[in-house]
C-alpha atoms as a PDB file:
ATOM      1  CA  MET A   1     -27.755 -98.040   9.678  1.00  0.00           C
ATOM      2  CA  GLY A   2     -24.526 -96.839   8.063  1.00  0.00           C
ATOM      3  CA  GLN A   3     -23.063 -98.369   4.958  1.00  0.00           C
ATOM      4  CA  VAL A   4     -20.256-100.889   5.162  1.00  0.00           C
ATOM      5  CA  ARG A   5     -17.694-100.878   2.393  1.00  0.00           C
ATOM      6  CA  ILE A   6     -15.613-103.991   1.932  1.00  0.00           C
ATOM      7  CA  GLU A   7     -12.413-103.366   0.004  1.00  0.00           C
ATOM      8  CA  LYS A   8     -11.278-106.991  -0.166  1.00  0.00           C
ATOM      9  CA  LEU A   9     -12.688-110.210   1.219  1.00  0.00           C
ATOM     10  CA  ASP A  10     -10.421-113.208   0.801  1.00  0.00           C
ATOM     11  CA  GLY A  11     -11.377-116.874   1.319  1.00  0.00           C
ATOM     12  CA  GLU A  12     -10.771-116.857   5.078  1.00  0.00           C
ATOM     13  CA  GLY A  13     -12.605-113.554   5.557  1.00  0.00           C
ATOM     14  CA  LEU A  14     -15.553-114.850   3.555  1.00  0.00           C
ATOM     15  CA  ARG A  15     -15.659-118.055   5.639  1.00  0.00           C
ATOM     16  CA  ASN A  16     -15.551-116.015   8.870  1.00  0.00           C
ATOM     17  CA  LEU A  17     -18.341-113.708   7.678  1.00  0.00           C
ATOM     18  CA  ASN A  18     -20.435-116.700   6.617  1.00  0.00           C
ATOM     19  CA  ALA A  19     -19.917-118.394  10.005  1.00  0.00           C
ATOM     20  CA  MET A  20     -20.897-115.218  11.862  1.00  0.00           C
ATOM     21  CA  LEU A  21     -24.048-114.713   9.777  1.00  0.00           C
ATOM     22  CA  THR A  22     -24.982-118.387  10.197  1.00  0.00           C
ATOM     23  CA  GLU A  23     -24.628-118.055  13.973  1.00  0.00           C
ATOM     24  CA  ILE A  24     -26.731-114.881  13.983  1.00  0.00           C
ATOM     25  CA  TYR A  25     -29.457-116.648  12.007  1.00  0.00           C
ATOM     26  CA  GLN A  26     -29.371-119.694  14.316  1.00  0.00           C
ATOM     27  CA  ARG A  27     -29.669-117.531  17.434  1.00  0.00           C
ATOM     28  CA  LEU A  28     -32.059-114.834  16.252  1.00  0.00           C
ATOM     29  CA  GLY A  29     -33.869-116.278  13.241  1.00  0.00           C
ATOM     30  CA  PRO A  30     -34.299-114.402   9.986  1.00  0.00           C
ATOM     31  CA  LEU A  31     -33.466-110.704  10.103  1.00  0.00           C
ATOM     32  CA  LYS A  32     -36.387-108.531   9.007  1.00  0.00           C
ATOM     33  CA  SER A  33     -34.859-105.058   8.976  1.00  0.00           C
ATOM     34  CA  SER A  34     -31.585-103.176   8.990  1.00  0.00           C
ATOM     35  CA  GLY A  35     -32.261-102.523  12.694  1.00  0.00           C
ATOM     36  CA  ASP A  36     -32.261-106.281  13.324  1.00  0.00           C
ATOM     37  CA  LEU A  37     -28.960-106.586  11.466  1.00  0.00           C
ATOM     38  CA  GLU A  38     -27.423-103.668  13.366  1.00  0.00           C
ATOM     39  CA  PHE A  39     -28.505-105.225  16.689  1.00  0.00           C
ATOM     40  CA  ALA A  40     -27.149-108.637  15.683  1.00  0.00           C
ATOM     41  CA  LEU A  41     -23.818-107.326  14.455  1.00  0.00           C
ATOM     42  CA  GLY A  42     -23.431-105.178  17.543  1.00  0.00           C
ATOM     43  CA  LYS A  43     -24.024-108.212  19.706  1.00  0.00           C
ATOM     44  CA  PHE A  44     -21.305-110.165  17.918  1.00  0.00           C
ATOM     45  CA  LEU A  45     -18.736-107.567  16.892  1.00  0.00           C
ATOM     46  CA  LYS A  46     -18.628-105.239  19.906  1.00  0.00           C
ATOM     47  CA  THR A  47     -17.514-107.950  22.299  1.00  0.00           C
ATOM     48  CA  GLU A  48     -13.887-107.027  22.916  1.00  0.00           C
ATOM     49  CA  ALA A  49     -13.457-108.936  26.172  1.00  0.00           C
ATOM     50  CA  LYS A  50      -9.805-109.826  26.066  1.00  0.00           C
ATOM     51  CA  CYS A  51      -6.645-108.992  27.942  1.00  0.00           C
ATOM     52  CA  SER A  52      -3.021-110.087  27.829  1.00  0.00           C
ATOM     53  CA  VAL A  53      -0.126-109.095  30.068  1.00  0.00           C
ATOM     54  CA  TYR A  54       3.439-110.195  30.654  1.00  0.00           C
ATOM     55  CA  LEU A  55       6.301-110.042  33.151  1.00  0.00           C
ATOM     56  CA  SER A  56       8.811-107.422  31.952  1.00  0.00           C
ATOM     57  CA  THR A  57      11.666-108.025  34.429  1.00  0.00           C
ATOM     58  CA  ASP A  58      12.882-111.271  35.984  1.00  0.00           C
ATOM     59  CA  GLN A  59      11.169-112.389  39.198  1.00  0.00           C
ATOM     60  CA  LEU A  60      14.097-113.694  41.235  1.00  0.00           C
ATOM     61  CA  ASN A  61      14.655-116.569  43.663  1.00  0.00           C
ATOM     62  CA  ILE A  62      11.383-118.477  43.483  1.00  0.00           C
ATOM     63  CA  ALA A  63      10.629-120.286  46.746  1.00  0.00           C
ATOM     64  CA  ASN A  64      10.880-124.081  46.734  1.00  0.00           C
ATOM     65  CA  ASP A  65       7.801-126.316  46.487  1.00  0.00           C
ATOM     66  CA  VAL A  66       5.124-123.621  46.916  1.00  0.00           C
ATOM     67  CA  TYR A  67       3.006-121.844  44.319  1.00  0.00           C
ATOM     68  CA  VAL A  68       4.286-118.298  43.852  1.00  0.00           C
ATOM     69  CA  LYS A  69       2.190-115.648  42.147  1.00  0.00           C
ATOM     70  CA  VAL A  70       3.807-114.299  38.988  1.00  0.00           C
ATOM     71  CA  LEU A  71       3.908-110.504  39.326  1.00  0.00           C
ATOM     72  CA  LEU A  72       2.850-109.637  35.787  1.00  0.00           C
ATOM     73  CA  ASP A  73       3.386-105.950  35.113  1.00  0.00           C
ATOM     74  CA  THR A  74       3.110-104.954  31.451  1.00  0.00           C
ATOM     75  CA  VAL A  75      -0.044-104.831  29.321  1.00  0.00           C
ATOM     76  CA  ILE A  76       0.020-106.176  25.767  1.00  0.00           C
ATOM     77  CA  GLU A  77      -3.671-105.453  25.131  1.00  0.00           C
ATOM     78  CA  ASN A  78      -6.542-104.489  27.399  1.00  0.00           C
ATOM     79  CA  PRO A  79      -9.448-103.023  25.381  1.00  0.00           C
ATOM     80  CA  SER A  80     -12.027-104.058  28.006  1.00  0.00           C
ATOM     81  CA  GLY A  81     -10.255-102.588  31.039  1.00  0.00           C
ATOM     82  CA  MET A  82      -9.832-106.034  32.613  1.00  0.00           C
ATOM     83  CA  TRP A  83      -6.265-105.594  33.951  1.00  0.00           C
ATOM     84  CA  ASP A  84      -6.032-104.950  37.706  1.00  0.00           C
ATOM     85  CA  ALA A  85      -2.463-103.609  38.017  1.00  0.00           C
ATOM     86  CA  ALA A  86      -2.628-103.212  41.801  1.00  0.00           C
ATOM     87  CA  ASN A  87      -3.355-106.920  42.335  1.00  0.00           C
ATOM     88  CA  LYS A  88      -1.492-108.264  39.252  1.00  0.00           C
ATOM     89  CA  ARG A  89      -4.555-110.068  37.891  1.00  0.00           C
ATOM     90  CA  ILE A  90      -7.158-110.018  35.146  1.00  0.00           C
ATOM     91  CA  VAL A  91     -10.726-109.338  36.323  1.00  0.00           C
ATOM     92  CA  ILE A  92     -13.655-110.495  34.189  1.00  0.00           C
ATOM     93  CA  LYS A  93     -16.038-107.694  33.122  1.00  0.00           C
ATOM     94  CA  ILE A  94     -18.382-109.644  30.804  1.00  0.00           C
ATOM     95  CA  PRO A  95     -19.730-113.060  31.908  1.00  0.00           C
ATOM     96  CA  GLY A  96     -19.158-115.917  29.499  1.00  0.00           C
ATOM     97  CA  TRP A  97     -16.941-118.726  28.332  1.00  0.00           C
ATOM     98  CA  TYR A  98     -13.263-117.731  28.149  1.00  0.00           C
ATOM     99  CA  LEU A  99     -10.066-119.156  26.763  1.00  0.00           C
ATOM    100  CA  LEU A 100      -7.394-118.843  29.492  1.00  0.00           C
ATOM    101  CA  LEU A 101      -3.766-119.145  28.384  1.00  0.00           C
ATOM    102  CA  GLY A 102      -0.434-118.518  30.065  1.00  0.00           C
ATOM    103  CA  SER A 103       3.227-119.397  30.134  1.00  0.00           C
ATOM    104  CA  VAL A 104       6.035-119.322  32.691  1.00  0.00           C
ATOM    105  CA  GLY A 105       9.670-119.124  31.608  1.00  0.00           C
ATOM    106  CA  TYR A 106      12.384-120.285  34.021  1.00  0.00           C
ATOM    107  CA  SER A 107      16.100-119.529  33.896  1.00  0.00           C
ATOM    108  CA  ASP A 108      18.773-121.514  35.692  1.00  0.00           C
ATOM    109  CA  ASN A 109      16.615-124.617  35.957  1.00  0.00           C
ATOM    110  CA  VAL A 110      18.131-127.702  37.606  1.00  0.00           C
ATOM    111  CA  ALA A 111      18.083-131.037  35.761  1.00  0.00           C
ATOM    112  CA  ASP A 112      15.754-133.815  36.954  1.00  0.00           C
ATOM    113  CA  LYS A 113      13.519-131.460  38.968  1.00  0.00           C
ATOM    114  CA  ARG A 114       9.885-130.472  38.420  1.00  0.00           C
ATOM    115  CA  TYR A 115       8.662-127.067  37.265  1.00  0.00           C
ATOM    116  CA  PHE A 116       5.034-125.917  37.133  1.00  0.00           C
ATOM    117  CA  SER A 117       2.849-123.214  35.635  1.00  0.00           C
ATOM    118  CA  ALA A 118      -0.734-122.741  36.808  1.00  0.00           C
ATOM    119  CA  ILE A 119      -3.691-120.562  35.890  1.00  0.00           C
ATOM    120  CA  THR A 120      -6.077-119.864  38.748  1.00  0.00           C
ATOM    121  CA  VAL A 121      -9.650-118.593  38.775  1.00  0.00           C
ATOM    122  CA  ASN A 122     -10.608-116.962  42.076  1.00  0.00           C
ATOM    123  CA  GLY A 123      -7.562-118.552  43.721  1.00  0.00           C
ATOM    124  CA  THR A 124      -8.258-122.134  42.585  1.00  0.00           C
ATOM    125  CA  ALA A 125      -6.003-123.828  40.037  1.00  0.00           C
ATOM    126  CA  ARG A 126      -7.956-124.540  36.836  1.00  0.00           C
ATOM    127  CA  GLY A 127      -5.063-125.360  34.525  1.00  0.00           C
ATOM    128  CA  VAL A 128      -1.673-126.786  35.582  1.00  0.00           C
ATOM    129  CA  SER A 129       1.300-127.839  33.483  1.00  0.00           C
ATOM    130  CA  ILE A 130       4.271-129.767  34.865  1.00  0.00           C
ATOM    131  CA  SER A 131       7.672-130.396  33.326  1.00  0.00           C
ATOM    132  CA  GLN A 132      10.589-132.453  34.567  1.00  0.00           C
ATOM    133  CA  THR A 133      13.673-131.606  32.582  1.00  0.00           C
ATOM    134  CA  SER A 134      16.841-133.546  31.921  1.00  0.00           C
ATOM    135  CA  PHE A 135      18.780-130.388  31.033  1.00  0.00           C
ATOM    136  CA  THR A 136      19.740-127.061  32.584  1.00  0.00           C
ATOM    137  CA  GLY A 137      19.142-123.565  31.253  1.00  0.00           C
ATOM    138  CA  LEU A 138      16.014-121.997  29.770  1.00  0.00           C
ATOM    139  CA  LEU A 139      12.662-123.752  30.302  1.00  0.00           C
ATOM    140  CA  VAL A 140       9.262-122.450  29.147  1.00  0.00           C
ATOM    141  CA  ILE A 141       6.070-124.128  30.395  1.00  0.00           C
ATOM    142  CA  PRO A 142       2.828-123.128  28.627  1.00  0.00           C
ATOM    143  CA  CYS A 143      -0.473-123.651  30.411  1.00  0.00           C
ATOM    144  CA  HIS A 144      -4.157-123.438  29.489  1.00  0.00           C
ATOM    145  CA  THR A 145      -7.613-124.430  30.614  1.00  0.00           C
ATOM    146  CA  PRO A 146     -10.480-125.834  28.609  1.00  0.00           C
ATOM    147  CA  PRO A 147     -13.061-123.142  27.790  1.00  0.00           C
ATOM    148  CA  TRP A 148     -13.923-121.821  31.245  1.00  0.00           C
ATOM    149  CA  LYS A 149     -17.178-120.192  32.342  1.00  0.00           C
ATOM    150  CA  CYS A 150     -16.448-116.965  34.204  1.00  0.00           C
ATOM    151  CA  ALA A 151     -18.739-114.562  36.029  1.00  0.00           C
ATOM    152  CA  VAL A 152     -18.331-110.812  36.453  1.00  0.00           C
ATOM    153  CA  ASN A 153     -15.490-110.055  38.919  1.00  0.00           C
ATOM    154  CA  ASP A 154     -13.921-113.521  38.683  1.00  0.00           C
ATOM    155  CA  TYR A 155     -10.162-112.986  38.714  1.00  0.00           C
ATOM    156  CA  ILE A 156      -7.493-114.833  36.745  1.00  0.00           C
ATOM    157  CA  GLU A 157      -3.878-115.137  37.942  1.00  0.00           C
ATOM    158  CA  LEU A 158      -0.683-116.918  36.889  1.00  0.00           C
ATOM    159  CA  TYR A 159       1.420-118.960  39.323  1.00  0.00           C
ATOM    160  CA  ALA A 160       4.778-120.738  39.221  1.00  0.00           C
ATOM    161  CA  ARG A 161       6.241-123.546  41.319  1.00  0.00           C
ATOM    162  CA  GLN A 162       9.555-125.378  41.325  1.00  0.00           C
ATOM    163  CA  THR A 163      10.929-128.329  43.321  1.00  0.00           C
ATOM    164  CA  THR A 164      14.704-127.957  43.116  1.00  0.00           C
ATOM    165  CA  GLY A 165      15.244-127.894  46.865  1.00  0.00           C
ATOM    166  CA  GLY A 166      16.567-124.325  46.683  1.00  0.00           C
ATOM    167  CA  THR A 167      15.623-120.854  45.528  1.00  0.00           C
ATOM    168  CA  THR A 168      17.940-120.558  42.528  1.00  0.00           C
ATOM    169  CA  PRO A 169      15.363-120.633  39.692  1.00  0.00           C
ATOM    170  CA  ASP A 170      14.143-117.280  38.441  1.00  0.00           C
ATOM    171  CA  ILE A 171      11.063-116.487  36.362  1.00  0.00           C
ATOM    172  CA  LEU A 172      12.092-114.869  33.104  1.00  0.00           C
ATOM    173  CA  GLY A 173      10.716-111.434  32.409  1.00  0.00           C
ATOM    174  CA  ALA A 174       9.965-111.268  28.691  1.00  0.00           C
ATOM    175  CA  SER A 175       6.751-111.206  26.659  1.00  0.00           C
ATOM    176  CA  GLU A 176       7.658-114.401  24.816  1.00  0.00           C
ATOM    177  CA  TYR A 177       8.302-116.409  28.013  1.00  0.00           C
ATOM    178  CA  THR A 178       6.050-115.309  30.887  1.00  0.00           C
ATOM    179  CA  TRP A 179       2.555-114.056  30.128  1.00  0.00           C
ATOM    180  CA  LEU A 180      -1.171-114.490  30.786  1.00  0.00           C
ATOM    181  CA  GLY A 181      -4.065-113.906  28.423  1.00  0.00           C
ATOM    182  CA  VAL A 182      -7.840-114.307  28.380  1.00  0.00           C
ATOM    183  CA  HIS A 183     -10.270-114.047  25.490  1.00  0.00           C
ATOM    184  CA  LEU A 184     -14.054-114.250  25.548  1.00  0.00           C
ATOM    185  CA  LEU A 185     -15.313-117.074  23.338  1.00  0.00           C
ATOM    186  CA  SER A 186     -19.036-116.555  23.919  1.00  0.00           C
ATOM    187  CA  LYS A 187     -21.261-114.616  26.297  1.00  0.00           C
ATOM    188  CA  SER A 188     -23.262-116.447  28.967  1.00  0.00           C
END
């Protein structure tokens, strides 16, 4: 096993290292060799199952009172190769419990109408947020699920819905407004 050199370990880094080593001990018991430690660290540190993407240009004229898929198109990070650009979705590669987060930004919203953001897993809504505004202009609706158990090839998508009676609202294309992200919390 190679040597690890730590230049600086502040209070938070020390707490994180302690938590990781405690979890390793609880799962695997006492480590008896450097090979055990290498295996354990590899199991915990090499899990880079995460992906985040956003909508880069406005998605115009959202249909009234139906869920419309947000056509995400720009990768922020994708170290696990989870982004399926052809289908505008994130596809799970490692089974486990995931944090699923997203946000939909609307422009030209109409006062006293409802706006939605939804995260779906395999086409079924698992997290929905609803807002009814008393103002017009920019509206951003974040959405999330509780930790969600995903299997290999489950797919995650972001949807929007509005109930203005027309098709005037647009989904804002910008990384700070309209995005979807997943992050593995623990393997199954």
